[in-house]
């Protein structure tokens, strides 16, 4: 279960970053996408500790 959740979280972060990058017109090309994915991955811990 833990592995599956981990994979889903990473896929969601990558997908979110790539969608955001695409809607912005793909700034910076491949390097820009890499930065967007890195930024999304960096936000994972904060997202997991989010409280309502």
C-alpha atoms as a PDB file:
ATOM      1  CA  UNK A   1       0.000   0.000   0.000  1.00  0.00           C
ATOM      2  CA  UNK A   2       2.745   2.481   0.947  1.00  0.00           C
ATOM      3  CA  UNK A   3       4.647   1.945  -2.297  1.00  0.00           C
ATOM      4  CA  UNK A   4       1.492   2.431  -4.338  1.00  0.00           C
ATOM      5  CA  UNK A   5       0.677   5.690  -2.539  1.00  0.00           C
ATOM      6  CA  UNK A   6       4.232   6.912  -3.040  1.00  0.00           C
ATOM      7  CA  UNK A   7       4.078   6.238  -6.764  1.00  0.00           C
ATOM      8  CA  UNK A   8       0.680   7.948  -7.039  1.00  0.00           C
ATOM      9  CA  UNK A   9       1.972  11.032  -5.219  1.00  0.00           C
ATOM     10  CA  UNK A  10       5.002  11.293  -7.497  1.00  0.00           C
ATOM     11  CA  UNK A  11       2.879  10.820 -10.628  1.00  0.00           C
ATOM     12  CA  UNK A  12       0.434  13.475  -9.408  1.00  0.00           C
ATOM     13  CA  UNK A  13       3.293  15.914  -8.754  1.00  0.00           C
ATOM     14  CA  UNK A  14       4.773  15.318 -12.197  1.00  0.00           C
ATOM     15  CA  UNK A  15       1.385  15.632 -13.891  1.00  0.00           C
ATOM     16  CA  UNK A  16       0.531  18.827 -12.026  1.00  0.00           C
ATOM     17  CA  UNK A  17       3.887  20.372 -12.912  1.00  0.00           C
ATOM     18  CA  UNK A  18       3.661  19.388 -16.566  1.00  0.00           C
ATOM     19  CA  UNK A  19       0.095  20.695 -16.899  1.00  0.00           C
ATOM     20  CA  UNK A  20       1.054  23.996 -15.297  1.00  0.00           C
ATOM     21  CA  UNK A  21       4.144  24.253 -17.515  1.00  0.00           C
ATOM     22  CA  UNK A  22       2.066  23.485 -20.625  1.00  0.00           C
ATOM     23  CA  UNK A  23      -0.647  26.043 -19.842  1.00  0.00           C
ATOM     24  CA  UNK A  24       2.093  28.654 -19.420  1.00  0.00           C
ATOM     25  CA  UNK A  25       3.301  27.941 -22.960  1.00  0.00           C
ATOM     26  CA  UNK A  26       6.209  25.669 -22.037  1.00  0.00           C
ATOM     27  CA  UNK A  27       8.606  28.367 -20.838  1.00  0.00           C
ATOM     28  CA  UNK A  28      12.265  27.377 -20.830  1.00  0.00           C
ATOM     29  CA  UNK A  29      11.762  24.226 -22.880  1.00  0.00           C
ATOM     30  CA  UNK A  30      12.952  20.984 -21.337  1.00  0.00           C
ATOM     31  CA  UNK A  31      14.899  22.823 -18.615  1.00  0.00           C
ATOM     32  CA  UNK A  32      11.763  24.746 -17.675  1.00  0.00           C
ATOM     33  CA  UNK A  33       9.797  21.523 -17.358  1.00  0.00           C
ATOM     34  CA  UNK A  34      12.547  20.018 -15.225  1.00  0.00           C
ATOM     35  CA  UNK A  35      12.429  23.057 -12.915  1.00  0.00           C
ATOM     36  CA  UNK A  36       8.628  22.831 -12.673  1.00  0.00           C
ATOM     37  CA  UNK A  37       8.826  19.143 -11.741  1.00  0.00           C
ATOM     38  CA  UNK A  38      11.560  19.827  -9.174  1.00  0.00           C
ATOM     39  CA  UNK A  39       9.417  22.565  -7.626  1.00  0.00           C
ATOM     40  CA  UNK A  40       6.380  20.269  -7.482  1.00  0.00           C
ATOM     41  CA  UNK A  41       8.391  17.495  -5.835  1.00  0.00           C
ATOM     42  CA  UNK A  42       9.719  19.997  -3.295  1.00  0.00           C
ATOM     43  CA  UNK A  43       6.121  20.789  -2.295  1.00  0.00           C
ATOM     44  CA  UNK A  44       5.176  17.184  -1.556  1.00  0.00           C
ATOM     45  CA  UNK A  45       6.124  17.251   2.157  1.00  0.00           C
ATOM     46  CA  UNK A  46       4.108  20.430   2.741  1.00  0.00           C
ATOM     47  CA  UNK A  47       1.129  18.988   0.885  1.00  0.00           C
ATOM     48  CA  UNK A  48       1.234  15.818   2.967  1.00  0.00           C
ATOM     49  CA  UNK A  49       1.206  17.747   6.239  1.00  0.00           C
ATOM     50  CA  UNK A  50      -1.649  19.997   5.158  1.00  0.00           C
ATOM     51  CA  UNK A  51      -4.423  20.188   7.725  1.00  0.00           C
ATOM     52  CA  UNK A  52      -8.020  21.194   7.266  1.00  0.00           C
END
